[in-house]
Amino acid sequence: MATTAERLRNREEDLLKRYLRALAREGGTNEMEVGRGRELRTCPECGERAIARLEPSGTWYVCSACGRYT
């Protein structure tokens, strides 16, 4: 079954809103800020595509959407 243009537009807007919320939570839109100890990942726990921060010990990443370790 084909996806309508309206549905695709809504999906793109939802993805953009989620991305902007994640950036706001992490405190910046600068690409260098996202790069230092942070990665965009799909969390295996909550399923969100979110910024994952490297914890201080440098072993695990923490999902910015749900707060769980990945």
PDB file of N, CA and C in Angstrom:
ATOM      1  N   MET A   1       0.841  -1.169   0.000  1.00  0.00           N
ATOM      2  CA  MET A   1       0.000   0.000   0.000  1.00  0.00           C
ATOM      3  C   MET A   1       0.889   1.237   0.000  1.00  0.00           C
ATOM      4  N   ALA A   2       0.566   2.206  -0.818  1.00  0.00           N
ATOM      5  CA  ALA A   2       1.355   3.425  -0.962  1.00  0.00           C
ATOM      6  C   ALA A   2       1.117   4.374   0.206  1.00  0.00           C
ATOM      7  N   THR A   3       2.162   5.121   0.547  1.00  0.00           N
ATOM      8  CA  THR A   3       2.062   6.126   1.603  1.00  0.00           C
ATOM      9  C   THR A   3       1.767   7.473   0.955  1.00  0.00           C
ATOM     10  N   THR A   4       0.810   8.176   1.507  1.00  0.00           N
ATOM     11  CA  THR A   4       0.428   9.461   0.929  1.00  0.00           C
ATOM     12  C   THR A   4       1.460  10.531   1.265  1.00  0.00           C
ATOM     13  N   ALA A   5       1.508  11.567   0.445  1.00  0.00           N
ATOM     14  CA  ALA A   5       2.436  12.675   0.662  1.00  0.00           C
ATOM     15  C   ALA A   5       2.156  13.357   2.000  1.00  0.00           C
ATOM     16  N   GLU A   6       0.900  13.482   2.361  1.00  0.00           N
ATOM     17  CA  GLU A   6       0.522  14.109   3.640  1.00  0.00           C
ATOM     18  C   GLU A   6       1.093  13.322   4.816  1.00  0.00           C
ATOM     19  N   ARG A   7       0.987  12.016   4.739  1.00  0.00           N
ATOM     20  CA  ARG A   7       1.499  11.168   5.824  1.00  0.00           C
ATOM     21  C   ARG A   7       3.020  11.278   5.936  1.00  0.00           C
ATOM     22  N   LEU A   8       3.724  11.326   4.799  1.00  0.00           N
ATOM     23  CA  LEU A   8       5.167  11.484   4.808  1.00  0.00           C
ATOM     24  C   LEU A   8       5.570  12.828   5.396  1.00  0.00           C
ATOM     25  N   ARG A   9       4.841  13.878   5.045  1.00  0.00           N
ATOM     26  CA  ARG A   9       5.127  15.209   5.594  1.00  0.00           C
ATOM     27  C   ARG A   9       4.957  15.211   7.103  1.00  0.00           C
ATOM     28  N   ASN A  10       3.888  14.602   7.590  1.00  0.00           N
ATOM     29  CA  ASN A  10       3.653  14.533   9.032  1.00  0.00           C
ATOM     30  C   ASN A  10       4.762  13.761   9.736  1.00  0.00           C
ATOM     31  N   ARG A  11       5.214  12.691   9.126  1.00  0.00           N
ATOM     32  CA  ARG A  11       6.289  11.881   9.718  1.00  0.00           C
ATOM     33  C   ARG A  11       7.576  12.694   9.790  1.00  0.00           C
ATOM     34  N   GLU A  12       7.900  13.429   8.721  1.00  0.00           N
ATOM     35  CA  GLU A  12       9.097  14.262   8.723  1.00  0.00           C
ATOM     36  C   GLU A  12       9.008  15.340   9.795  1.00  0.00           C
ATOM     37  N   GLU A  13       7.838  15.944   9.965  1.00  0.00           N
ATOM     38  CA  GLU A  13       7.662  16.968  10.991  1.00  0.00           C
ATOM     39  C   GLU A  13       7.829  16.364  12.382  1.00  0.00           C
ATOM     40  N   ASP A  14       7.311  15.165  12.599  1.00  0.00           N
ATOM     41  CA  ASP A  14       7.461  14.497  13.893  1.00  0.00           C
ATOM     42  C   ASP A  14       8.933  14.203  14.189  1.00  0.00           C
ATOM     43  N   LEU A  15       9.665  13.722  13.191  1.00  0.00           N
ATOM     44  CA  LEU A  15      11.083  13.440  13.379  1.00  0.00           C
ATOM     45  C   LEU A  15      11.851  14.711  13.699  1.00  0.00           C
ATOM     46  N   LEU A  16      11.527  15.796  13.006  1.00  0.00           N
ATOM     47  CA  LEU A  16      12.193  17.062  13.263  1.00  0.00           C
ATOM     48  C   LEU A  16      11.904  17.568  14.670  1.00  0.00           C
ATOM     49  N   LYS A  17      10.650  17.451  15.110  1.00  0.00           N
ATOM     50  CA  LYS A  17      10.288  17.886  16.461  1.00  0.00           C
ATOM     51  C   LYS A  17      11.041  17.077  17.513  1.00  0.00           C
ATOM     52  N   ARG A  18      11.131  15.760  17.322  1.00  0.00           N
ATOM     53  CA  ARG A  18      11.855  14.908  18.267  1.00  0.00           C
ATOM     54  C   ARG A  18      13.331  15.277  18.309  1.00  0.00           C
ATOM     55  N   TYR A  19      13.901  15.548  17.131  1.00  0.00           N
ATOM     56  CA  TYR A  19      15.312  15.918  17.054  1.00  0.00           C
ATOM     57  C   TYR A  19      15.559  17.243  17.774  1.00  0.00           C
ATOM     58  N   LEU A  20      14.705  18.226  17.552  1.00  0.00           N
ATOM     59  CA  LEU A  20      14.866  19.532  18.193  1.00  0.00           C
ATOM     60  C   LEU A  20      14.679  19.437  19.701  1.00  0.00           C
ATOM     61  N   ARG A  21      13.755  18.585  20.165  1.00  0.00           N
ATOM     62  CA  ARG A  21      13.587  18.380  21.605  1.00  0.00           C
ATOM     63  C   ARG A  21      14.850  17.765  22.214  1.00  0.00           C
ATOM     64  N   ALA A  22      15.446  16.809  21.518  1.00  0.00           N
ATOM     65  CA  ALA A  22      16.667  16.183  22.013  1.00  0.00           C
ATOM     66  C   ALA A  22      17.804  17.197  22.078  1.00  0.00           C
ATOM     67  N   LEU A  23      17.908  18.047  21.063  1.00  0.00           N
ATOM     68  CA  LEU A  23      18.937  19.078  21.087  1.00  0.00           C
ATOM     69  C   LEU A  23      18.712  20.055  22.228  1.00  0.00           C
ATOM     70  N   ALA A  24      17.465  20.410  22.477  1.00  0.00           N
ATOM     71  CA  ALA A  24      17.159  21.331  23.569  1.00  0.00           C
ATOM     72  C   ALA A  24      17.513  20.702  24.916  1.00  0.00           C
ATOM     73  N   ARG A  25      17.244  19.393  25.082  1.00  0.00           N
ATOM     74  CA  ARG A  25      17.590  18.703  26.319  1.00  0.00           C
ATOM     75  C   ARG A  25      19.094  18.691  26.538  1.00  0.00           C
ATOM     76  N   GLU A  26      19.830  18.532  25.445  1.00  0.00           N
ATOM     77  CA  GLU A  26      21.285  18.427  25.552  1.00  0.00           C
ATOM     78  C   GLU A  26      21.977  19.785  25.591  1.00  0.00           C
ATOM     79  N   GLY A  27      21.226  20.850  25.340  1.00  0.00           N
ATOM     80  CA  GLY A  27      21.783  22.185  25.491  1.00  0.00           C
ATOM     81  C   GLY A  27      22.590  22.711  24.334  1.00  0.00           C
ATOM     82  N   GLY A  28      22.204  22.433  23.111  1.00  0.00           N
ATOM     83  CA  GLY A  28      22.921  23.063  22.012  1.00  0.00           C
ATOM     84  C   GLY A  28      22.610  22.461  20.669  1.00  0.00           C
ATOM     85  N   THR A  29      22.907  23.244  19.641  1.00  0.00           N
ATOM     86  CA  THR A  29      22.734  22.763  18.279  1.00  0.00           C
ATOM     87  C   THR A  29      24.064  22.729  17.557  1.00  0.00           C
ATOM     88  N   ASN A  30      25.139  23.051  18.256  1.00  0.00           N
ATOM     89  CA  ASN A  30      26.459  23.054  17.659  1.00  0.00           C
ATOM     90  C   ASN A  30      26.897  21.621  17.389  1.00  0.00           C
ATOM     91  N   GLU A  31      27.353  21.365  16.183  1.00  0.00           N
ATOM     92  CA  GLU A  31      27.749  20.011  15.803  1.00  0.00           C
ATOM     93  C   GLU A  31      28.927  19.518  16.642  1.00  0.00           C
ATOM     94  N   MET A  32      29.824  20.409  17.029  1.00  0.00           N
ATOM     95  CA  MET A  32      30.959  20.015  17.854  1.00  0.00           C
ATOM     96  C   MET A  32      30.496  19.571  19.240  1.00  0.00           C
ATOM     97  N   GLU A  33      29.474  20.219  19.791  1.00  0.00           N
ATOM     98  CA  GLU A  33      28.955  19.831  21.096  1.00  0.00           C
ATOM     99  C   GLU A  33      28.377  18.426  21.059  1.00  0.00           C
ATOM    100  N   VAL A  34      27.666  18.104  19.989  1.00  0.00           N
ATOM    101  CA  VAL A  34      27.075  16.772  19.870  1.00  0.00           C
ATOM    102  C   VAL A  34      28.169  15.727  19.701  1.00  0.00           C
ATOM    103  N   GLY A  35      29.292  16.091  19.091  1.00  0.00           N
ATOM    104  CA  GLY A  35      30.362  15.151  18.799  1.00  0.00           C
ATOM    105  C   GLY A  35      31.204  14.744  19.998  1.00  0.00           C
ATOM    106  N   ARG A  36      31.365  15.616  20.981  1.00  0.00           N
ATOM    107  CA  ARG A  36      32.238  15.322  22.118  1.00  0.00           C
ATOM    108  C   ARG A  36      31.544  14.453  23.154  1.00  0.00           C
ATOM    109  N   GLY A  37      31.829  13.163  23.145  1.00  0.00           N
ATOM    110  CA  GLY A  37      31.248  12.248  24.128  1.00  0.00           C
ATOM    111  C   GLY A  37      29.771  11.988  23.927  1.00  0.00           C
ATOM    112  N   ARG A  38      29.261  12.321  22.751  1.00  0.00           N
ATOM    113  CA  ARG A  38      27.839  12.116  22.459  1.00  0.00           C
ATOM    114  C   ARG A  38      27.688  11.523  21.067  1.00  0.00           C
ATOM    115  N   GLU A  39      26.685  10.703  20.917  1.00  0.00           N
ATOM    116  CA  GLU A  39      26.380  10.095  19.624  1.00  0.00           C
ATOM    117  C   GLU A  39      24.878  10.065  19.432  1.00  0.00           C
ATOM    118  N   LEU A  40      24.451  10.126  18.190  1.00  0.00           N
ATOM    119  CA  LEU A  40      23.045   9.890  17.885  1.00  0.00           C
ATOM    120  C   LEU A  40      22.882   8.383  17.716  1.00  0.00           C
ATOM    121  N   ARG A  41      22.031   7.792  18.550  1.00  0.00           N
ATOM    122  CA  ARG A  41      21.817   6.350  18.512  1.00  0.00           C
ATOM    123  C   ARG A  41      20.335   6.034  18.647  1.00  0.00           C
ATOM    124  N   THR A  42      19.961   4.840  18.208  1.00  0.00           N
ATOM    125  CA  THR A  42      18.628   4.334  18.484  1.00  0.00           C
ATOM    126  C   THR A  42      18.742   3.505  19.757  1.00  0.00           C
ATOM    127  N   CYS A  43      18.023   3.930  20.774  1.00  0.00           N
ATOM    128  CA  CYS A  43      18.103   3.270  22.078  1.00  0.00           C
ATOM    129  C   CYS A  43      17.424   1.902  22.008  1.00  0.00           C
ATOM    130  N   PRO A  44      18.109   0.841  22.447  1.00  0.00           N
ATOM    131  CA  PRO A  44      17.491  -0.479  22.430  1.00  0.00           C
ATOM    132  C   PRO A  44      16.391  -0.632  23.490  1.00  0.00           C
ATOM    133  N   GLU A  45      16.379   0.232  24.498  1.00  0.00           N
ATOM    134  CA  GLU A  45      15.378   0.151  25.559  1.00  0.00           C
ATOM    135  C   GLU A  45      14.071   0.833  25.176  1.00  0.00           C
ATOM    136  N   CYS A  46      14.149   2.128  24.749  1.00  0.00           N
ATOM    137  CA  CYS A  46      12.919   2.885  24.473  1.00  0.00           C
ATOM    138  C   CYS A  46      12.608   2.995  22.982  1.00  0.00           C
ATOM    139  N   GLY A  47      13.584   2.693  22.117  1.00  0.00           N
ATOM    140  CA  GLY A  47      13.360   2.741  20.680  1.00  0.00           C
ATOM    141  C   GLY A  47      13.480   4.127  20.068  1.00  0.00           C
ATOM    142  N   GLU A  48      13.777   5.149  20.871  1.00  0.00           N
ATOM    143  CA  GLU A  48      13.916   6.516  20.368  1.00  0.00           C
ATOM    144  C   GLU A  48      15.281   6.701  19.712  1.00  0.00           C
ATOM    145  N   ARG A  49      15.306   7.488  18.666  1.00  0.00           N
ATOM    146  CA  ARG A  49      16.571   7.929  18.064  1.00  0.00           C
ATOM    147  C   ARG A  49      16.944   9.188  18.822  1.00  0.00           C
ATOM    148  N   ALA A  50      17.921   9.106  19.707  1.00  0.00           N
ATOM    149  CA  ALA A  50      18.238  10.199  20.614  1.00  0.00           C
ATOM    150  C   ALA A  50      19.746  10.331  20.782  1.00  0.00           C
ATOM    151  N   ILE A  51      20.144  11.413  21.411  1.00  0.00           N
ATOM    152  CA  ILE A  51      21.550  11.635  21.716  1.00  0.00           C
ATOM    153  C   ILE A  51      21.919  10.767  22.915  1.00  0.00           C
ATOM    154  N   ALA A  52      23.014  10.047  22.787  1.00  0.00           N
ATOM    155  CA  ALA A  52      23.516   9.217  23.882  1.00  0.00           C
ATOM    156  C   ALA A  52      24.801   9.862  24.394  1.00  0.00           C
ATOM    157  N   ARG A  53      24.850  10.140  25.691  1.00  0.00           N
ATOM    158  CA  ARG A  53      26.014  10.776  26.313  1.00  0.00           C
ATOM    159  C   ARG A  53      26.913   9.712  26.931  1.00  0.00           C
ATOM    160  N   LEU A  54      28.211   9.876  26.751  1.00  0.00           N
ATOM    161  CA  LEU A  54      29.176   8.982  27.378  1.00  0.00           C
ATOM    162  C   LEU A  54      29.258   9.334  28.855  1.00  0.00           C
ATOM    163  N   GLU A  55      29.124   8.346  29.721  1.00  0.00           N
ATOM    164  CA  GLU A  55      29.188   8.609  31.161  1.00  0.00           C
ATOM    165  C   GLU A  55      30.629   8.967  31.547  1.00  0.00           C
ATOM    166  N   PRO A  56      30.819   9.596  32.710  1.00  0.00           N
ATOM    167  CA  PRO A  56      32.151  10.060  33.115  1.00  0.00           C
ATOM    168  C   PRO A  56      33.243   8.986  33.123  1.00  0.00           C
ATOM    169  N   SER A  57      32.905   7.754  33.468  1.00  0.00           N
ATOM    170  CA  SER A  57      33.931   6.702  33.485  1.00  0.00           C
ATOM    171  C   SER A  57      34.346   6.293  32.081  1.00  0.00           C
ATOM    172  N   GLY A  58      33.529   6.677  31.083  1.00  0.00           N
ATOM    173  CA  GLY A  58      33.874   6.402  29.687  1.00  0.00           C
ATOM    174  C   GLY A  58      33.577   5.006  29.217  1.00  0.00           C
ATOM    175  N   THR A  59      32.698   4.287  29.910  1.00  0.00           N
ATOM    176  CA  THR A  59      32.390   2.909  29.544  1.00  0.00           C
ATOM    177  C   THR A  59      31.039   2.751  28.869  1.00  0.00           C
ATOM    178  N   TRP A  60      30.027   3.431  29.377  1.00  0.00           N
ATOM    179  CA  TRP A  60      28.662   3.278  28.886  1.00  0.00           C
ATOM    180  C   TRP A  60      28.115   4.603  28.385  1.00  0.00           C
ATOM    181  N   TYR A  61      27.119   4.519  27.497  1.00  0.00           N
ATOM    182  CA  TYR A  61      26.387   5.693  27.034  1.00  0.00           C
ATOM    183  C   TYR A  61      25.030   5.726  27.718  1.00  0.00           C
ATOM    184  N   VAL A  62      24.523   6.921  27.988  1.00  0.00           N
ATOM    185  CA  VAL A  62      23.215   7.101  28.615  1.00  0.00           C
ATOM    186  C   VAL A  62      22.289   7.741  27.596  1.00  0.00           C
ATOM    187  N   CYS A  63      21.124   7.151  27.387  1.00  0.00           N
ATOM    188  CA  CYS A  63      20.124   7.666  26.449  1.00  0.00           C
ATOM    189  C   CYS A  63      19.510   8.950  27.000  1.00  0.00           C
ATOM    190  N   SER A  64      19.450  10.009  26.172  1.00  0.00           N
ATOM    191  CA  SER A  64      18.874  11.275  26.634  1.00  0.00           C
ATOM    192  C   SER A  64      17.353  11.213  26.667  1.00  0.00           C
ATOM    193  N   ALA A  65      16.744  10.238  26.011  1.00  0.00           N
ATOM    194  CA  ALA A  65      15.277  10.130  26.011  1.00  0.00           C
ATOM    195  C   ALA A  65      14.754   9.419  27.249  1.00  0.00           C
ATOM    196  N   CYS A  66      15.384   8.300  27.623  1.00  0.00           N
ATOM    197  CA  CYS A  66      14.861   7.511  28.743  1.00  0.00           C
ATOM    198  C   CYS A  66      15.805   7.441  29.940  1.00  0.00           C
ATOM    199  N   GLY A  67      17.074   7.826  29.749  1.00  0.00           N
ATOM    200  CA  GLY A  67      18.025   7.818  30.854  1.00  0.00           C
ATOM    201  C   GLY A  67      18.669   6.476  31.156  1.00  0.00           C
ATOM    202  N   ARG A  68      18.412   5.489  30.328  1.00  0.00           N
ATOM    203  CA  ARG A  68      18.997   4.161  30.562  1.00  0.00           C
ATOM    204  C   ARG A  68      20.341   4.026  29.876  1.00  0.00           C
ATOM    205  N   TYR A  69      21.135   3.109  30.374  1.00  0.00           N
ATOM    206  CA  TYR A  69      22.453   2.853  29.789  1.00  0.00           C
ATOM    207  C   TYR A  69      22.317   1.996  28.534  1.00  0.00           C
ATOM    208  N   THR A  70      23.141   2.293  27.536  1.00  0.00           N
ATOM    209  CA  THR A  70      23.129   1.521  26.291  1.00  0.00           C
ATOM    210  C   THR A  70      24.512   1.018  25.986  1.00  0.00           C
TER     211      THR A  70
END
